[in-house]
Amino acid sequence: MKLINPRYLLSFAFVITLLNACVQDKPKNSEADKSSGIQPKVEAKSTYAAVNTWLDDFKNFRTAVYQQDVQQMKTYFNFPIFADTTQVWVAIYDNVDESKRPQTYPATFTEADLEKQHGKLFNDAFVQSLLKVKSEQLYQKGEYTTPVIKAGDQSFHMIAHYDKATASLQLSLMFAGWTDKNGEEMSEGESAIIYFFKVVEYKYLKFDKILFAG
């Protein structure tokens, strides 16, 4: 058997060690990675804040409604909801012509219903006015009234009110009445849709019911 010269073995071992060192010392985000289209994995930040007070959950609710994040919206409901005590279906069909409304509403409101109807339950007027609520003032004073928003022939605003005694949050979407020939708004025809949320453990918002006024 032909013996291998020990000098060759030492040279070969040195080459292997050098190659391993090059691989280990290679930067994780090298220019080669960038040119090849490989992107480093970035851990996504949560859109929603940790909930320590009901103000945190209010902000998260507002974000979910604005972004139409149905999965997050579901966390504010205890399904199934019994429709006869919450008027949720009445709110959904409020702006629909009476001839196109169903003669009877379902007895319950489910997760699947929210997936289909969330845009009507929390309509554009609700979202636009909700975004105008200054949350810090609401938290400190217990109430905040937004400026009036004009959209087409509608004028509306929101009154957000936290009732500490009952641990509840009311979001009242207020619609102005008709305007006279001088452009002054008249009280006749004013109406409101009031969304009630229970505040569980003084932190978490849970949908309770909807009432109509006017």
Protein backbone atom coordinates (compact mmCIF):
# COMPACT_ATOMS: atom_id res chain seq x y z
CA MET A 1 0.00 0.00 0.00
CA LYS A 2 1.28 3.43 -0.97
CA LEU A 3 1.63 5.76 2.01
CA ILE A 4 0.46 9.40 1.84
CA ASN A 5 3.08 11.94 2.61
CA PRO A 6 2.23 13.54 6.04
CA ARG A 7 2.92 16.99 4.58
CA TYR A 8 -0.03 16.57 2.18
CA LEU A 9 -2.31 15.58 5.07
CA LEU A 10 -1.34 18.70 6.99
CA SER A 11 -1.95 20.88 3.92
CA PHE A 12 -5.36 19.33 3.30
CA ALA A 13 -6.41 19.83 6.96
CA PHE A 14 -5.32 23.48 6.76
CA VAL A 15 -7.48 24.07 3.64
CA ILE A 16 -10.57 22.51 5.30
CA THR A 17 -10.08 24.65 8.43
CA LEU A 18 -9.75 27.80 6.31
CA LEU A 19 -12.96 27.06 4.37
CA ASN A 20 -14.93 26.50 7.57
CA ALA A 21 -13.69 29.78 8.99
CA CYS A 22 -14.80 31.64 5.84
CA VAL A 23 -18.31 30.17 6.06
CA GLN A 24 -18.68 30.99 9.76
CA ASP A 25 -17.40 34.54 9.35
CA LYS A 26 -19.71 35.33 6.42
CA PRO A 27 -22.01 38.27 7.30
CA LYS A 28 -25.64 37.29 7.72
CA ASN A 29 -26.89 40.04 5.41
CA SER A 30 -24.15 40.10 2.79
CA GLU A 31 -24.22 41.97 -0.48
CA ALA A 32 -24.52 38.59 -2.20
CA ASP A 33 -27.76 37.92 -0.32
CA LYS A 34 -29.14 41.29 -1.35
CA SER A 35 -28.26 40.83 -5.00
CA SER A 36 -29.85 37.38 -5.04
CA GLY A 37 -33.11 38.70 -3.65
CA ILE A 38 -32.78 36.98 -0.27
CA GLN A 39 -34.22 39.22 2.43
CA PRO A 40 -33.46 38.84 6.12
CA LYS A 41 -36.45 37.74 8.19
CA VAL A 42 -37.95 40.68 10.07
CA GLU A 43 -40.25 39.98 12.97
CA ALA A 44 -43.56 41.78 12.38
CA LYS A 45 -44.74 44.20 15.04
CA SER A 46 -48.28 43.84 16.31
CA THR A 47 -50.73 46.49 15.14
CA TYR A 48 -52.45 46.36 18.51
CA ALA A 49 -51.23 47.56 21.88
CA ALA A 50 -51.23 45.53 25.07
CA VAL A 51 -54.43 46.21 27.02
CA ASN A 52 -53.87 47.69 30.46
CA THR A 53 -56.87 50.05 30.53
CA TRP A 54 -60.11 50.42 28.59
CA LEU A 55 -58.43 53.26 26.69
CA ASP A 56 -55.98 50.76 25.18
CA ASP A 57 -58.83 48.52 24.07
CA PHE A 58 -60.74 51.49 22.67
CA LYS A 59 -57.72 52.40 20.53
CA ASN A 60 -57.41 48.80 19.38
CA PHE A 61 -61.12 48.70 18.51
CA ARG A 62 -60.79 51.90 16.49
CA THR A 63 -57.82 50.46 14.60
CA ALA A 64 -59.66 47.21 13.87
CA VAL A 65 -62.74 49.02 12.54
CA TYR A 66 -60.67 51.41 10.43
CA GLN A 67 -58.57 48.61 8.93
CA GLN A 68 -61.61 46.32 8.58
CA ASP A 69 -59.79 43.66 10.56
CA VAL A 70 -62.67 41.26 11.08
CA GLN A 71 -60.69 38.81 13.19
CA GLN A 72 -59.85 41.55 15.68
CA MET A 73 -63.43 42.87 15.55
CA LYS A 74 -64.68 39.45 16.66
CA THR A 75 -62.86 39.85 19.98
CA TYR A 76 -65.34 42.61 20.91
CA PHE A 77 -68.36 40.32 20.67
CA ASN A 78 -69.68 37.37 22.64
CA PHE A 79 -71.27 35.22 19.95
CA PRO A 80 -73.99 34.41 19.26
CA ILE A 81 -75.72 37.73 19.92
CA PHE A 82 -79.48 37.62 20.42
CA ALA A 83 -80.83 40.10 17.91
CA ASP A 84 -84.10 40.99 19.64
CA THR A 85 -82.33 42.63 22.58
CA THR A 86 -79.46 44.28 20.69
CA GLN A 87 -81.12 45.69 17.54
CA VAL A 88 -77.98 44.83 15.62
CA TRP A 89 -79.91 43.81 12.48
CA VAL A 90 -81.94 47.02 12.61
CA ALA A 91 -78.68 49.00 12.54
CA ILE A 92 -77.37 46.97 9.59
CA TYR A 93 -80.48 47.66 7.49
CA ASP A 94 -80.97 51.23 8.73
CA ASN A 95 -79.89 52.84 5.42
CA VAL A 96 -81.53 50.22 3.20
CA ASP A 97 -84.80 51.04 1.45
CA GLU A 98 -87.69 49.55 3.39
CA SER A 99 -88.85 47.57 0.37
CA LYS A 100 -85.48 45.78 0.30
CA ARG A 101 -85.33 44.96 4.00
CA PRO A 102 -86.17 41.41 5.11
CA GLN A 103 -89.62 40.99 6.61
CA THR A 104 -88.12 39.25 9.63
CA TYR A 105 -84.60 39.39 10.98
CA PRO A 106 -82.59 36.36 12.13
CA ALA A 107 -82.89 35.56 15.83
CA THR A 108 -79.14 35.70 16.33
CA PHE A 109 -76.07 37.47 14.99
CA THR A 110 -73.06 35.20 14.53
CA GLU A 111 -69.37 35.36 13.61
CA ALA A 112 -70.29 34.58 10.01
CA ASP A 113 -72.78 37.46 10.04
CA LEU A 114 -70.10 39.86 11.26
CA GLU A 115 -67.79 38.74 8.45
CA LYS A 116 -70.49 39.64 5.91
CA GLN A 117 -72.07 42.67 7.55
CA HIS A 118 -69.30 44.50 9.44
CA GLY A 119 -69.18 47.27 6.81
CA LYS A 120 -72.87 48.02 7.40
CA LEU A 121 -72.75 47.64 11.16
CA PHE A 122 -69.78 50.00 11.37
CA ASN A 123 -70.55 52.16 8.32
CA ASP A 124 -68.57 55.06 6.87
CA ALA A 125 -70.21 57.67 9.11
CA PHE A 126 -69.39 55.60 12.18
CA VAL A 127 -65.76 55.07 11.12
CA GLN A 128 -65.16 58.68 10.09
CA SER A 129 -66.50 60.07 13.34
CA LEU A 130 -64.80 57.40 15.47
CA LEU A 131 -61.44 58.46 14.03
CA LYS A 132 -62.10 62.01 15.23
CA VAL A 133 -62.44 61.01 18.89
CA LYS A 134 -59.49 62.28 20.92
CA SER A 135 -58.95 59.26 23.09
CA GLU A 136 -56.82 60.90 25.79
CA GLN A 137 -59.49 63.53 26.44
CA LEU A 138 -62.17 60.85 26.49
CA TYR A 139 -60.17 58.89 29.07
CA GLN A 140 -59.44 61.91 31.27
CA LYS A 141 -62.83 63.63 31.14
CA GLY A 142 -65.12 60.68 30.45
CA GLU A 143 -66.63 62.32 27.36
CA TYR A 144 -65.62 63.74 24.03
CA THR A 145 -67.68 65.31 21.23
CA THR A 146 -66.16 65.31 17.77
CA PRO A 147 -66.40 68.14 15.25
CA VAL A 148 -69.27 67.89 12.76
CA ILE A 149 -68.44 66.06 9.55
CA LYS A 150 -70.25 66.89 6.31
CA ALA A 151 -70.46 64.18 3.68
CA GLY A 152 -72.76 64.91 0.77
CA ASP A 153 -76.15 65.89 2.17
CA GLN A 154 -75.37 64.39 5.58
CA SER A 155 -73.94 66.07 8.67
CA PHE A 156 -72.93 63.92 11.61
CA HIS A 157 -70.67 63.73 14.63
CA MET A 158 -69.99 61.38 17.53
CA ILE A 159 -70.38 61.77 21.28
CA ALA A 160 -68.23 59.24 23.13
CA HIS A 161 -69.12 58.83 26.80
CA TYR A 162 -67.66 56.55 29.48
CA ASP A 163 -69.93 55.86 32.44
CA LYS A 164 -67.78 54.78 35.36
CA ALA A 165 -70.76 53.83 37.55
CA THR A 166 -72.00 51.21 35.05
CA ALA A 167 -68.59 50.48 33.48
CA SER A 168 -69.89 51.12 29.99
CA LEU A 169 -68.85 53.06 26.91
CA GLN A 170 -71.42 54.72 24.67
CA LEU A 171 -70.60 55.78 21.12
CA SER A 172 -73.46 57.95 19.89
CA LEU A 173 -73.48 58.63 16.17
CA MET A 174 -75.51 61.84 15.84
CA PHE A 175 -77.16 62.92 12.58
CA ALA A 176 -78.27 66.50 12.00
CA GLY A 177 -81.80 67.40 10.92
CA TRP A 178 -82.81 69.30 7.82
CA THR A 179 -81.48 72.73 6.86
CA ASP A 180 -83.67 75.72 6.09
CA LYS A 181 -83.35 78.05 3.08
CA ASN A 182 -80.71 80.09 4.94
CA GLY A 183 -78.55 77.03 5.45
CA GLU A 184 -79.27 76.78 9.18
CA GLU A 185 -79.65 73.31 10.62
CA MET A 186 -83.00 72.65 12.29
CA SER A 187 -83.50 70.30 15.21
CA GLU A 188 -86.40 68.51 13.52
CA GLY A 189 -85.24 65.28 11.99
CA GLU A 190 -82.23 64.85 14.25
CA SER A 191 -81.46 61.22 15.04
CA ALA A 192 -78.83 59.07 16.72
CA ILE A 193 -77.56 55.51 16.69
CA ILE A 194 -76.01 54.65 20.04
CA TYR A 195 -73.56 51.76 20.35
CA PHE A 196 -73.16 50.39 23.89
CA PHE A 197 -70.11 48.48 25.07
CA LYS A 198 -69.62 46.89 28.46
CA VAL A 199 -66.17 47.44 29.96
CA VAL A 200 -65.14 44.11 31.48
CA GLU A 201 -62.60 44.25 34.31
CA TYR A 202 -62.30 47.97 33.52
CA LYS A 203 -60.20 46.98 30.50
CA TYR A 204 -61.94 45.04 27.75
CA LEU A 205 -64.74 46.34 25.53
CA LYS A 206 -67.59 43.96 24.75
CA PHE A 207 -70.48 44.87 22.48
CA ASP A 208 -73.73 45.14 24.43
CA LYS A 209 -76.51 46.62 22.28
CA ILE A 210 -77.63 49.40 19.92
CA LEU A 211 -80.37 51.91 20.59
CA PHE A 212 -81.98 54.48 18.29
CA ALA A 213 -83.10 57.98 19.15
CA GLY A 214 -85.01 60.56 17.15
